[in-house]
Amino acid sequence: MSKTATAVQPVTDANLWSEYAIEAHSSLTDQPLRSLKHGDAFAVVNGFGDIEPLQDSAQGLFYCDTRFLSQFEMRLEGKKPLLLGSAMHDNKSALTVELTNPDVLLGKDDKLPKDTIFLTRTTILRDGASYERIGIRNFGSAKRRLRLDFLYAADFHDLFEIRGTRRHRRGTLSSNVIDSKAVRFKYRGLDKIERTTLIQFDPRPVRLASDRAMVEVEIVAHGQTSIFITVLCLESNAQEATQIADYFRAYRETRRERRQLTRRIATLATSNEAFEEVVSRATSDVYTLVTATPHGLYPYAGIPWFNTVFGRDGIITAMLMLWMDPSLAQGVLLTLAATQA
């Protein structure tokens, strides 16, 4: 009776590597990043509130698994502002970044001393759009006319491509200025879906191109003014907006929505302020990820790389939150039953 010997293949790195593996090329801890989320949209920006066009970076404005904005940087008189601080609002509904000017030579005999101009960038996400208000305040004793430049781009890369997957073919990308205050990027993918990024400015820029805008503002001594920027993410069947969105209404509705989302949850009251702060922060983190789906509320996961349903993570979150908010468990079970059975 003979036996047939079977060769055992040694386990090596090459054996473990597959065509579906994604190689990481960058670290999320290289620089501090801030993230915002609402529904199927999320944004990842640096500490200055900018989106830098760095290779293999998680920065960008994402909607439905696609990056609709891959660059958005602000310059004051051609220089990068100095960072004073950045923080998320208590309920994670908005991000505020505070900046000031470096020493700037405006003319032969005109110098803008450091810390004369104070800038506050407040950004929120709502219904597939980013709303930003840039508050500008002049602490100097003279009237100033200032130039702010905005650099932008949209590459429409999907999340797997951003993570490192190499695409052999891509769709067609175009951009154009559609009126005196708006720029449009269009991308028709290989999936035949047309995606659009619409950037709108208020007030109207003095110069507007497909890759940059120049806005000039005049501020009296100790005065202040604002610039509003709206970025709309649209897909094929969405109706394109033609008017500047109301930043303040979107801000109010987002805060009201966050309050409504948590108004029936169980809460804790203790004598330890530090412990209560930790619980409040954790609650805010969880409800930042909670997304309304056709089947109920679901705690999305994966930011900054993904913003979608993860079955195991959703089940674990629902179990741990059951005592606080049973509606999450209901949403998770109904969503998974409808989509994964």
C-alpha atoms as a PDB file:
ATOM      1  CA  MET A   1       0.000   0.000   0.000  1.00  0.00           C
ATOM      2  CA  SER A   2       1.593   3.208  -1.102  1.00  0.00           C
ATOM      3  CA  LYS A   3       1.141   6.650   0.290  1.00  0.00           C
ATOM      4  CA  THR A   4       1.222   9.810  -1.779  1.00  0.00           C
ATOM      5  CA  ALA A   5       3.189  12.575  -0.135  1.00  0.00           C
ATOM      6  CA  THR A   6       1.641  16.032  -0.249  1.00  0.00           C
ATOM      7  CA  ALA A   7       4.022  18.972  -0.291  1.00  0.00           C
ATOM      8  CA  VAL A   8       3.243  21.555   2.352  1.00  0.00           C
ATOM      9  CA  GLN A   9       3.541  25.124   1.058  1.00  0.00           C
ATOM     10  CA  PRO A  10       5.469  27.276   3.546  1.00  0.00           C
ATOM     11  CA  VAL A  11       3.611  30.342   4.818  1.00  0.00           C
ATOM     12  CA  THR A  12       5.326  33.506   3.654  1.00  0.00           C
ATOM     13  CA  ASP A  13       4.390  37.168   3.298  1.00  0.00           C
ATOM     14  CA  ALA A  14       3.915  36.580  -0.421  1.00  0.00           C
ATOM     15  CA  ASN A  15       1.354  33.830   0.254  1.00  0.00           C
ATOM     16  CA  LEU A  16      -0.606  36.086   2.583  1.00  0.00           C
ATOM     17  CA  TRP A  17      -0.668  38.957   0.106  1.00  0.00           C
ATOM     18  CA  SER A  18      -3.676  39.000  -2.193  1.00  0.00           C
ATOM     19  CA  GLU A  19      -4.924  41.126  -5.014  1.00  0.00           C
ATOM     20  CA  TYR A  20      -7.390  42.712  -2.603  1.00  0.00           C
ATOM     21  CA  ALA A  21      -4.844  43.832  -0.027  1.00  0.00           C
ATOM     22  CA  ILE A  22      -4.376  47.577   0.387  1.00  0.00           C
ATOM     23  CA  GLU A  23      -0.933  48.783   1.354  1.00  0.00           C
ATOM     24  CA  ALA A  24      -0.781  51.727   3.765  1.00  0.00           C
ATOM     25  CA  HIS A  25       1.594  54.543   2.821  1.00  0.00           C
ATOM     26  CA  SER A  26       0.808  57.194   5.428  1.00  0.00           C
ATOM     27  CA  SER A  27       0.041  57.513   9.116  1.00  0.00           C
ATOM     28  CA  LEU A  28      -2.948  59.326  10.584  1.00  0.00           C
ATOM     29  CA  THR A  29      -0.787  60.396  13.532  1.00  0.00           C
ATOM     30  CA  ASP A  30       1.722  62.329  11.421  1.00  0.00           C
ATOM     31  CA  GLN A  31      -0.320  65.484  12.035  1.00  0.00           C
ATOM     32  CA  PRO A  32      -3.442  66.305  14.041  1.00  0.00           C
ATOM     33  CA  LEU A  33      -6.601  65.987  11.968  1.00  0.00           C
ATOM     34  CA  ARG A  34     -10.168  67.076  12.689  1.00  0.00           C
ATOM     35  CA  SER A  35     -13.263  65.330  11.363  1.00  0.00           C
ATOM     36  CA  LEU A  36     -16.929  66.222  10.896  1.00  0.00           C
ATOM     37  CA  LYS A  37     -19.804  63.942   9.907  1.00  0.00           C
ATOM     38  CA  HIS A  38     -23.436  64.197   8.906  1.00  0.00           C
ATOM     39  CA  GLY A  39     -25.353  61.408   7.188  1.00  0.00           C
ATOM     40  CA  ASP A  40     -23.377  59.999   4.261  1.00  0.00           C
ATOM     41  CA  ALA A  41     -20.904  62.904   4.247  1.00  0.00           C
ATOM     42  CA  PHE A  42     -17.795  63.451   6.305  1.00  0.00           C
ATOM     43  CA  ALA A  43     -14.841  65.816   6.175  1.00  0.00           C
ATOM     44  CA  VAL A  44     -11.271  65.438   7.389  1.00  0.00           C
ATOM     45  CA  VAL A  45      -9.232  68.650   7.677  1.00  0.00           C
ATOM     46  CA  ASN A  46      -5.944  69.641   9.286  1.00  0.00           C
ATOM     47  CA  GLY A  47      -5.592  71.832  12.366  1.00  0.00           C
ATOM     48  CA  PHE A  48      -5.832  75.003  10.249  1.00  0.00           C
ATOM     49  CA  GLY A  49      -9.186  73.927   8.784  1.00  0.00           C
ATOM     50  CA  ASP A  50      -7.541  73.323   5.394  1.00  0.00           C
ATOM     51  CA  ILE A  51      -7.652  70.297   3.113  1.00  0.00           C
ATOM     52  CA  GLU A  52      -4.093  69.778   1.914  1.00  0.00           C
ATOM     53  CA  PRO A  53      -3.469  67.906  -1.365  1.00  0.00           C
ATOM     54  CA  LEU A  54      -1.105  65.356   0.182  1.00  0.00           C
ATOM     55  CA  GLN A  55      -0.541  61.977  -1.440  1.00  0.00           C
ATOM     56  CA  ASP A  56      -2.214  59.055   0.376  1.00  0.00           C
ATOM     57  CA  SER A  57      -3.828  61.461   2.830  1.00  0.00           C
ATOM     58  CA  ALA A  58      -7.209  61.002   4.495  1.00  0.00           C
ATOM     59  CA  GLN A  59      -7.964  64.717   4.141  1.00  0.00           C
ATOM     60  CA  GLY A  60     -10.929  65.730   2.022  1.00  0.00           C
ATOM     61  CA  LEU A  61     -14.676  66.197   1.818  1.00  0.00           C
ATOM     62  CA  PHE A  62     -16.327  62.831   1.226  1.00  0.00           C
ATOM     63  CA  TYR A  63     -19.845  61.914   0.182  1.00  0.00           C
ATOM     64  CA  CYS A  64     -21.182  58.412  -0.507  1.00  0.00           C
ATOM     65  CA  ASP A  65     -17.684  56.868  -0.434  1.00  0.00           C
ATOM     66  CA  THR A  66     -16.156  59.384  -2.881  1.00  0.00           C
ATOM     67  CA  ARG A  67     -13.892  62.376  -2.242  1.00  0.00           C
ATOM     68  CA  PHE A  68     -15.677  65.392  -3.705  1.00  0.00           C
ATOM     69  CA  LEU A  69     -13.065  67.902  -2.522  1.00  0.00           C
ATOM     70  CA  SER A  70      -9.372  66.968  -2.404  1.00  0.00           C
ATOM     71  CA  GLN A  71      -7.952  70.456  -1.745  1.00  0.00           C
ATOM     72  CA  PHE A  72      -9.210  73.571  -0.032  1.00  0.00           C
ATOM     73  CA  GLU A  73      -6.613  75.948   1.412  1.00  0.00           C
ATOM     74  CA  MET A  74      -6.889  79.547   2.571  1.00  0.00           C
ATOM     75  CA  ARG A  75      -4.182  82.203   2.341  1.00  0.00           C
ATOM     76  CA  LEU A  76      -4.165  85.752   3.734  1.00  0.00           C
ATOM     77  CA  GLU A  77      -2.252  88.163   1.510  1.00  0.00           C
ATOM     78  CA  GLY A  78      -0.492  85.143   0.014  1.00  0.00           C
ATOM     79  CA  LYS A  79       0.642  83.770   3.384  1.00  0.00           C
ATOM     80  CA  LYS A  80      -0.574  80.911   5.535  1.00  0.00           C
ATOM     81  CA  PRO A  81      -2.218  82.275   8.710  1.00  0.00           C
ATOM     82  CA  LEU A  82      -0.839  81.426  12.137  1.00  0.00           C
ATOM     83  CA  LEU A  83      -2.809  78.889  14.171  1.00  0.00           C
ATOM     84  CA  LEU A  84      -4.151  79.975  17.556  1.00  0.00           C
ATOM     85  CA  GLY A  85      -6.321  76.946  18.252  1.00  0.00           C
ATOM     86  CA  SER A  86      -9.016  74.619  16.954  1.00  0.00           C
ATOM     87  CA  ALA A  87     -11.793  72.773  18.730  1.00  0.00           C
ATOM     88  CA  MET A  88     -14.960  70.816  18.091  1.00  0.00           C
ATOM     89  CA  HIS A  89     -18.185  72.201  19.523  1.00  0.00           C
ATOM     90  CA  ASP A  90     -19.570  70.358  22.550  1.00  0.00           C
ATOM     91  CA  ASN A  91     -22.009  68.242  20.541  1.00  0.00           C
ATOM     92  CA  LYS A  92     -19.625  67.805  17.573  1.00  0.00           C
ATOM     93  CA  SER A  93     -21.994  69.745  15.310  1.00  0.00           C
ATOM     94  CA  ALA A  94     -19.274  72.167  14.130  1.00  0.00           C
ATOM     95  CA  LEU A  95     -15.541  72.785  14.033  1.00  0.00           C
ATOM     96  CA  THR A  96     -14.074  76.181  14.900  1.00  0.00           C
ATOM     97  CA  VAL A  97     -10.499  77.167  14.018  1.00  0.00           C
ATOM     98  CA  GLU A  98      -8.963  80.432  15.252  1.00  0.00           C
ATOM     99  CA  LEU A  99      -6.137  82.049  13.284  1.00  0.00           C
ATOM    100  CA  THR A 100      -4.190  85.288  13.072  1.00  0.00           C
ATOM    101  CA  ASN A 101      -1.926  86.964  10.529  1.00  0.00           C
ATOM    102  CA  PRO A 102       1.867  86.772  10.390  1.00  0.00           C
ATOM    103  CA  ASP A 103       3.893  89.905   9.604  1.00  0.00           C
ATOM    104  CA  VAL A 104       2.852  90.891   6.078  1.00  0.00           C
ATOM    105  CA  LEU A 105       4.385  93.554   3.826  1.00  0.00           C
ATOM    106  CA  LEU A 106       1.422  95.055   1.944  1.00  0.00           C
ATOM    107  CA  GLY A 107       3.345  97.724   0.072  1.00  0.00           C
ATOM    108  CA  LYS A 108       6.600  99.633   0.049  1.00  0.00           C
ATOM    109  CA  ASP A 109       5.744 101.525   3.229  1.00  0.00           C
ATOM    110  CA  ASP A 110       2.767  99.542   4.495  1.00  0.00           C
ATOM    111  CA  LYS A 111       3.176  96.630   6.868  1.00  0.00           C
ATOM    112  CA  LEU A 112       0.489  94.543   8.513  1.00  0.00           C
ATOM    113  CA  PRO A 113       1.911  93.678  11.952  1.00  0.00           C
ATOM    114  CA  LYS A 114       1.463  90.182  13.346  1.00  0.00           C
ATOM    115  CA  ASP A 115      -1.751  89.566  15.338  1.00  0.00           C
ATOM    116  CA  THR A 116      -3.617  92.510  13.789  1.00  0.00           C
ATOM    117  CA  ILE A 117      -6.231  90.400  11.995  1.00  0.00           C
ATOM    118  CA  PHE A 118      -8.195  87.675  13.801  1.00  0.00           C
ATOM    119  CA  LEU A 119      -9.869  84.958  11.704  1.00  0.00           C
ATOM    120  CA  THR A 120     -12.435  82.418  12.871  1.00  0.00           C
ATOM    121  CA  ARG A 121     -13.334  79.517  10.568  1.00  0.00           C
ATOM    122  CA  THR A 122     -16.516  77.668  11.558  1.00  0.00           C
ATOM    123  CA  THR A 123     -17.474  74.644   9.452  1.00  0.00           C
ATOM    124  CA  ILE A 124     -20.523  72.383   9.566  1.00  0.00           C
ATOM    125  CA  LEU A 125     -21.809  69.532   7.411  1.00  0.00           C
ATOM    126  CA  ARG A 126     -25.443  69.013   6.530  1.00  0.00           C
ATOM    127  CA  ASP A 127     -27.269  67.023   3.841  1.00  0.00           C
ATOM    128  CA  GLY A 128     -24.225  66.404   1.663  1.00  0.00           C
ATOM    129  CA  ALA A 129     -22.912  69.964   1.859  1.00  0.00           C
ATOM    130  CA  SER A 130     -20.180  71.820   3.734  1.00  0.00           C
ATOM    131  CA  TYR A 131     -20.950  75.279   5.081  1.00  0.00           C
ATOM    132  CA  GLU A 132     -18.128  77.524   6.241  1.00  0.00           C
ATOM    133  CA  ARG A 133     -18.163  81.006   7.745  1.00  0.00           C
ATOM    134  CA  ILE A 134     -14.881  82.907   7.957  1.00  0.00           C
ATOM    135  CA  GLY A 135     -15.181  85.730  10.468  1.00  0.00           C
ATOM    136  CA  ILE A 136     -12.537  88.447  10.000  1.00  0.00           C
ATOM    137  CA  ARG A 137     -11.879  91.047  12.697  1.00  0.00           C
ATOM    138  CA  ASN A 138      -9.506  93.999  12.531  1.00  0.00           C
ATOM    139  CA  PHE A 139      -7.851  94.815  15.859  1.00  0.00           C
ATOM    140  CA  GLY A 140      -5.782  97.582  14.289  1.00  0.00           C
ATOM    141  CA  SER A 141      -6.439 101.319  14.424  1.00  0.00           C
ATOM    142  CA  ALA A 142      -6.472 101.731  10.630  1.00  0.00           C
ATOM    143  CA  LYS A 143      -8.868 100.592   7.921  1.00  0.00           C
ATOM    144  CA  ARG A 144      -7.560  97.602   5.981  1.00  0.00           C
ATOM    145  CA  ARG A 145      -8.244  96.158   2.555  1.00  0.00           C
ATOM    146  CA  LEU A 146      -7.266  92.508   2.635  1.00  0.00           C
ATOM    147  CA  ARG A 147      -6.941  89.759   0.041  1.00  0.00           C
ATOM    148  CA  LEU A 148      -7.861  86.165   0.821  1.00  0.00           C
ATOM    149  CA  ASP A 149      -6.991  83.431  -1.669  1.00  0.00           C
ATOM    150  CA  PHE A 150      -8.648  80.018  -1.770  1.00  0.00           C
ATOM    151  CA  LEU A 151      -7.026  77.086  -3.571  1.00  0.00           C
ATOM    152  CA  TYR A 152      -9.222  74.094  -4.387  1.00  0.00           C
ATOM    153  CA  ALA A 153      -9.422  70.868  -6.367  1.00  0.00           C
ATOM    154  CA  ALA A 154     -11.625  67.782  -6.678  1.00  0.00           C
ATOM    155  CA  ASP A 155     -10.213  64.398  -7.730  1.00  0.00           C
ATOM    156  CA  PHE A 156     -13.304  62.190  -7.096  1.00  0.00           C
ATOM    157  CA  HIS A 157     -11.199  59.282  -5.852  1.00  0.00           C
ATOM    158  CA  ASP A 158     -13.087  56.507  -4.093  1.00  0.00           C
ATOM    159  CA  LEU A 159     -12.083  55.466  -0.588  1.00  0.00           C
ATOM    160  CA  PHE A 160     -10.266  52.322  -1.700  1.00  0.00           C
ATOM    161  CA  GLU A 161      -8.230  54.330  -4.194  1.00  0.00           C
ATOM    162  CA  ILE A 162      -7.298  56.796  -1.467  1.00  0.00           C
ATOM    163  CA  ARG A 163      -6.179  53.890   0.719  1.00  0.00           C
ATOM    164  CA  GLY A 164      -3.784  52.719  -1.985  1.00  0.00           C
ATOM    165  CA  THR A 165      -5.689  50.665  -4.570  1.00  0.00           C
ATOM    166  CA  ARG A 166      -4.337  51.459  -8.055  1.00  0.00           C
ATOM    167  CA  ARG A 167      -6.983  52.073 -10.698  1.00  0.00           C
ATOM    168  CA  HIS A 168      -6.017  51.138 -14.266  1.00  0.00           C
ATOM    169  CA  ARG A 169      -8.789  53.303 -15.693  1.00  0.00           C
ATOM    170  CA  ARG A 170     -10.694  56.331 -14.471  1.00  0.00           C
ATOM    171  CA  GLY A 171     -13.636  58.382 -15.650  1.00  0.00           C
ATOM    172  CA  THR A 172     -13.586  61.880 -17.160  1.00  0.00           C
ATOM    173  CA  LEU A 173     -13.116  65.018 -15.042  1.00  0.00           C
ATOM    174  CA  SER A 174     -13.894  68.614 -16.019  1.00  0.00           C
ATOM    175  CA  SER A 175     -14.170  71.957 -14.238  1.00  0.00           C
ATOM    176  CA  ASN A 176     -15.496  75.371 -15.135  1.00  0.00           C
ATOM    177  CA  VAL A 177     -16.588  78.715 -13.702  1.00  0.00           C
ATOM    178  CA  ILE A 178     -20.378  78.799 -14.010  1.00  0.00           C
ATOM    179  CA  ASP A 179     -20.997  82.375 -12.844  1.00  0.00           C
ATOM    180  CA  SER A 180     -19.270  85.206 -10.966  1.00  0.00           C
ATOM    181  CA  LYS A 181     -19.379  83.407  -7.620  1.00  0.00           C
ATOM    182  CA  ALA A 182     -19.435  79.659  -8.299  1.00  0.00           C
ATOM    183  CA  VAL A 183     -17.137  76.945  -9.673  1.00  0.00           C
ATOM    184  CA  ARG A 184     -18.209  73.463 -10.707  1.00  0.00           C
ATOM    185  CA  PHE A 185     -16.256  70.194 -10.951  1.00  0.00           C
ATOM    186  CA  LYS A 186     -17.862  67.314 -12.838  1.00  0.00           C
ATOM    187  CA  TYR A 187     -16.792  63.688 -12.930  1.00  0.00           C
ATOM    188  CA  ARG A 188     -18.398  60.937 -14.956  1.00  0.00           C
ATOM    189  CA  GLY A 189     -17.201  57.655 -13.536  1.00  0.00           C
ATOM    190  CA  LEU A 190     -16.850  54.266 -15.116  1.00  0.00           C
ATOM    191  CA  ASP A 191     -20.059  53.375 -13.260  1.00  0.00           C
ATOM    192  CA  LYS A 192     -21.855  55.958 -15.469  1.00  0.00           C
ATOM    193  CA  ILE A 193     -22.751  58.070 -12.421  1.00  0.00           C
ATOM    194  CA  GLU A 194     -22.090  61.782 -12.775  1.00  0.00           C
ATOM    195  CA  ARG A 195     -20.809  63.442  -9.612  1.00  0.00           C
ATOM    196  CA  THR A 196     -20.615  67.199  -9.144  1.00  0.00           C
ATOM    197  CA  THR A 197     -18.853  69.484  -6.682  1.00  0.00           C
ATOM    198  CA  LEU A 198     -20.226  73.021  -6.605  1.00  0.00           C
ATOM    199  CA  ILE A 199     -18.251  75.694  -4.702  1.00  0.00           C
ATOM    200  CA  GLN A 200     -20.033  78.983  -4.005  1.00  0.00           C
ATOM    201  CA  PHE A 201     -18.645  82.195  -2.474  1.00  0.00           C
ATOM    202  CA  ASP A 202     -20.321  85.124  -0.756  1.00  0.00           C
ATOM    203  CA  PRO A 203     -19.270  87.900  -1.233  1.00  0.00           C
ATOM    204  CA  ARG A 204     -18.452  87.566  -4.924  1.00  0.00           C
ATOM    205  CA  PRO A 205     -14.727  86.995  -5.588  1.00  0.00           C
ATOM    206  CA  VAL A 206     -12.824  89.652  -7.530  1.00  0.00           C
ATOM    207  CA  ARG A 207     -11.113  86.812  -9.420  1.00  0.00           C
ATOM    208  CA  LEU A 208     -12.455  83.320  -9.951  1.00  0.00           C
ATOM    209  CA  ALA A 209     -10.864  80.392 -11.778  1.00  0.00           C
ATOM    210  CA  SER A 210     -11.291  76.636 -11.852  1.00  0.00           C
ATOM    211  CA  ASP A 211      -8.509  76.166  -9.285  1.00  0.00           C
ATOM    212  CA  ARG A 212      -8.550  79.328  -7.138  1.00  0.00           C
ATOM    213  CA  ALA A 213     -10.574  82.320  -6.009  1.00  0.00           C
ATOM    214  CA  MET A 214      -9.536  85.726  -4.718  1.00  0.00           C
ATOM    215  CA  VAL A 215     -11.827  87.565  -2.315  1.00  0.00           C
ATOM    216  CA  GLU A 216     -11.152  91.122  -1.164  1.00  0.00           C
ATOM    217  CA  VAL A 217     -12.670  92.596   1.978  1.00  0.00           C
ATOM    218  CA  GLU A 218     -12.469  96.060   3.478  1.00  0.00           C
ATOM    219  CA  ILE A 219     -12.563  96.301   7.274  1.00  0.00           C
ATOM    220  CA  VAL A 220     -12.686  99.526   9.248  1.00  0.00           C
ATOM    221  CA  ALA A 221     -10.598  99.939  12.402  1.00  0.00           C
ATOM    222  CA  HIS A 222     -11.866  97.505  15.068  1.00  0.00           C
ATOM    223  CA  GLY A 223     -14.511  96.322  12.625  1.00  0.00           C
ATOM    224  CA  GLN A 224     -15.410  92.860  11.391  1.00  0.00           C
ATOM    225  CA  THR A 225     -16.910  91.108   8.387  1.00  0.00           C
ATOM    226  CA  SER A 226     -17.568  87.575   7.125  1.00  0.00           C
ATOM    227  CA  ILE A 227     -17.025  85.365   4.088  1.00  0.00           C
ATOM    228  CA  PHE A 228     -19.360  82.419   3.447  1.00  0.00           C
ATOM    229  CA  ILE A 229     -18.353  79.373   1.408  1.00  0.00           C
ATOM    230  CA  THR A 230     -20.654  76.504   0.516  1.00  0.00           C
ATOM    231  CA  VAL A 231     -19.516  73.237  -1.077  1.00  0.00           C
ATOM    232  CA  LEU A 232     -22.306  71.051  -2.448  1.00  0.00           C
ATOM    233  CA  CYS A 233     -21.792  67.356  -3.247  1.00  0.00           C
ATOM    234  CA  LEU A 234     -24.245  66.124  -5.884  1.00  0.00           C
ATOM    235  CA  GLU A 235     -24.871  62.871  -7.713  1.00  0.00           C
ATOM    236  CA  SER A 236     -26.627  62.204 -11.035  1.00  0.00           C
ATOM    237  CA  ASN A 237     -30.256  62.467  -9.974  1.00  0.00           C
ATOM    238  CA  ALA A 238     -29.831  65.234  -7.403  1.00  0.00           C
ATOM    239  CA  GLN A 239     -31.243  68.643  -8.184  1.00  0.00           C
ATOM    240  CA  GLU A 240     -28.438  71.177  -8.443  1.00  0.00           C
ATOM    241  CA  ALA A 241     -28.791  74.205  -6.185  1.00  0.00           C
ATOM    242  CA  THR A 242     -28.190  77.594  -7.761  1.00  0.00           C
ATOM    243  CA  GLN A 243     -28.409  79.844  -4.708  1.00  0.00           C
ATOM    244  CA  ILE A 244     -26.003  80.345  -1.823  1.00  0.00           C
ATOM    245  CA  ALA A 245     -27.224  78.172   1.038  1.00  0.00           C
ATOM    246  CA  ASP A 246     -28.191  79.822   4.328  1.00  0.00           C
ATOM    247  CA  TYR A 247     -25.276  79.095   6.659  1.00  0.00           C
ATOM    248  CA  PHE A 248     -27.077  80.217   9.810  1.00  0.00           C
ATOM    249  CA  ARG A 249     -30.173  78.126   9.094  1.00  0.00           C
ATOM    250  CA  ALA A 250     -28.038  75.050   8.441  1.00  0.00           C
ATOM    251  CA  TYR A 251     -26.144  75.720  11.675  1.00  0.00           C
ATOM    252  CA  ARG A 252     -29.345  76.016  13.734  1.00  0.00           C
ATOM    253  CA  GLU A 253     -30.904  72.927  12.184  1.00  0.00           C
ATOM    254  CA  THR A 254     -27.787  70.841  12.785  1.00  0.00           C
ATOM    255  CA  ARG A 255     -27.633  71.788  16.472  1.00  0.00           C
ATOM    256  CA  ARG A 256     -31.384  71.184  16.861  1.00  0.00           C
ATOM    257  CA  GLU A 257     -31.046  67.786  15.201  1.00  0.00           C
ATOM    258  CA  ARG A 258     -28.263  66.758  17.595  1.00  0.00           C
ATOM    259  CA  ARG A 259     -30.396  67.759  20.597  1.00  0.00           C
ATOM    260  CA  GLN A 260     -33.390  65.816  19.268  1.00  0.00           C
ATOM    261  CA  LEU A 261     -31.248  62.746  18.710  1.00  0.00           C
ATOM    262  CA  THR A 262     -30.238  62.537  22.373  1.00  0.00           C
ATOM    263  CA  ARG A 263     -33.250  63.999  24.155  1.00  0.00           C
ATOM    264  CA  ARG A 264     -34.645  60.609  25.271  1.00  0.00           C
ATOM    265  CA  ILE A 265     -31.438  58.832  26.222  1.00  0.00           C
ATOM    266  CA  ALA A 266     -30.602  57.825  29.778  1.00  0.00           C
ATOM    267  CA  THR A 267     -28.069  60.096  31.483  1.00  0.00           C
ATOM    268  CA  LEU A 268     -25.800  59.943  34.514  1.00  0.00           C
ATOM    269  CA  ALA A 269     -25.368  62.457  37.317  1.00  0.00           C
ATOM    270  CA  THR A 270     -22.393  62.084  39.659  1.00  0.00           C
ATOM    271  CA  SER A 271     -20.389  64.185  42.098  1.00  0.00           C
ATOM    272  CA  ASN A 272     -17.278  63.845  39.928  1.00  0.00           C
ATOM    273  CA  GLU A 273     -17.068  66.560  37.251  1.00  0.00           C
ATOM    274  CA  ALA A 274     -14.180  64.878  35.431  1.00  0.00           C
ATOM    275  CA  PHE A 275     -16.129  61.615  35.122  1.00  0.00           C
ATOM    276  CA  GLU A 276     -19.201  63.452  33.832  1.00  0.00           C
ATOM    277  CA  GLU A 277     -17.040  65.216  31.247  1.00  0.00           C
ATOM    278  CA  VAL A 278     -15.694  61.857  30.025  1.00  0.00           C
ATOM    279  CA  VAL A 279     -19.230  60.430  29.744  1.00  0.00           C
ATOM    280  CA  SER A 280     -20.440  63.550  27.911  1.00  0.00           C
ATOM    281  CA  ARG A 281     -17.531  63.352  25.466  1.00  0.00           C
ATOM    282  CA  ALA A 282     -18.113  59.652  24.826  1.00  0.00           C
ATOM    283  CA  THR A 283     -21.828  60.227  24.241  1.00  0.00           C
ATOM    284  CA  SER A 284     -21.058  63.028  21.803  1.00  0.00           C
ATOM    285  CA  ASP A 285     -18.580  60.809  19.937  1.00  0.00           C
ATOM    286  CA  VAL A 286     -21.122  58.006  19.521  1.00  0.00           C
ATOM    287  CA  TYR A 287     -23.954  60.229  18.313  1.00  0.00           C
ATOM    288  CA  THR A 288     -21.649  61.935  15.842  1.00  0.00           C
ATOM    289  CA  LEU A 289     -21.489  58.559  14.079  1.00  0.00           C
ATOM    290  CA  VAL A 290     -25.203  57.743  14.353  1.00  0.00           C
ATOM    291  CA  THR A 291     -26.838  57.938  10.930  1.00  0.00           C
ATOM    292  CA  ALA A 292     -30.515  57.849  10.005  1.00  0.00           C
ATOM    293  CA  THR A 293     -31.095  54.989   7.548  1.00  0.00           C
ATOM    294  CA  PRO A 294     -34.359  53.769   5.948  1.00  0.00           C
ATOM    295  CA  HIS A 295     -34.444  51.064   8.658  1.00  0.00           C
ATOM    296  CA  GLY A 296     -33.613  53.214  11.684  1.00  0.00           C
ATOM    297  CA  LEU A 297     -30.603  54.717  13.430  1.00  0.00           C
ATOM    298  CA  TYR A 298     -27.243  53.040  12.828  1.00  0.00           C
ATOM    299  CA  PRO A 299     -23.840  53.912  14.340  1.00  0.00           C
ATOM    300  CA  TYR A 300     -21.607  54.146  11.269  1.00  0.00           C
ATOM    301  CA  ALA A 301     -17.919  53.330  11.670  1.00  0.00           C
ATOM    302  CA  GLY A 302     -14.575  53.718   9.938  1.00  0.00           C
ATOM    303  CA  ILE A 303     -13.922  57.475   9.881  1.00  0.00           C
ATOM    304  CA  PRO A 304     -11.626  58.817   8.564  1.00  0.00           C
ATOM    305  CA  TRP A 305     -11.201  56.075   5.969  1.00  0.00           C
ATOM    306  CA  PHE A 306     -14.810  54.891   5.784  1.00  0.00           C
ATOM    307  CA  ASN A 307     -18.285  56.080   6.762  1.00  0.00           C
ATOM    308  CA  THR A 308     -20.593  53.114   6.452  1.00  0.00           C
ATOM    309  CA  VAL A 309     -22.310  50.129   8.075  1.00  0.00           C
ATOM    310  CA  PHE A 310     -20.006  47.680   9.862  1.00  0.00           C
ATOM    311  CA  GLY A 311     -21.986  44.690  11.158  1.00  0.00           C
ATOM    312  CA  ARG A 312     -19.829  43.629  14.102  1.00  0.00           C
ATOM    313  CA  ASP A 313     -19.126  47.191  15.236  1.00  0.00           C
ATOM    314  CA  GLY A 314     -22.802  48.093  14.997  1.00  0.00           C
ATOM    315  CA  ILE A 315     -23.874  45.071  17.066  1.00  0.00           C
ATOM    316  CA  ILE A 316     -21.274  45.715  19.772  1.00  0.00           C
ATOM    317  CA  THR A 317     -22.170  49.406  19.957  1.00  0.00           C
ATOM    318  CA  ALA A 318     -25.883  48.599  20.155  1.00  0.00           C
ATOM    319  CA  MET A 319     -25.302  46.113  22.999  1.00  0.00           C
ATOM    320  CA  LEU A 320     -23.185  48.540  24.992  1.00  0.00           C
ATOM    321  CA  MET A 321     -25.685  51.367  24.424  1.00  0.00           C
ATOM    322  CA  LEU A 322     -28.783  49.254  25.109  1.00  0.00           C
ATOM    323  CA  TRP A 323     -29.291  50.633  28.625  1.00  0.00           C
ATOM    324  CA  MET A 324     -28.933  54.195  27.354  1.00  0.00           C
ATOM    325  CA  ASP A 325     -30.751  54.178  24.001  1.00  0.00           C
ATOM    326  CA  PRO A 326     -32.647  51.046  22.824  1.00  0.00           C
ATOM    327  CA  SER A 327     -33.478  52.727  19.498  1.00  0.00           C
ATOM    328  CA  LEU A 328     -29.903  52.071  18.330  1.00  0.00           C
ATOM    329  CA  ALA A 329     -30.347  48.325  18.853  1.00  0.00           C
ATOM    330  CA  GLN A 330     -33.620  48.412  16.933  1.00  0.00           C
ATOM    331  CA  GLY A 331     -31.994  50.278  14.029  1.00  0.00           C
ATOM    332  CA  VAL A 332     -28.981  47.952  13.924  1.00  0.00           C
ATOM    333  CA  LEU A 333     -31.060  44.762  13.937  1.00  0.00           C
ATOM    334  CA  LEU A 334     -33.486  46.015  11.277  1.00  0.00           C
ATOM    335  CA  THR A 335     -30.678  47.313   9.048  1.00  0.00           C
ATOM    336  CA  LEU A 336     -28.655  44.117   9.240  1.00  0.00           C
ATOM    337  CA  ALA A 337     -31.740  41.956   8.722  1.00  0.00           C
ATOM    338  CA  ALA A 338     -32.628  43.926   5.588  1.00  0.00           C
ATOM    339  CA  THR A 339     -29.153  44.088   4.073  1.00  0.00           C
ATOM    340  CA  GLN A 340     -27.072  41.105   5.219  1.00  0.00           C
ATOM    341  CA  ALA A 341     -29.379  38.086   5.421  1.00  0.00           C
END
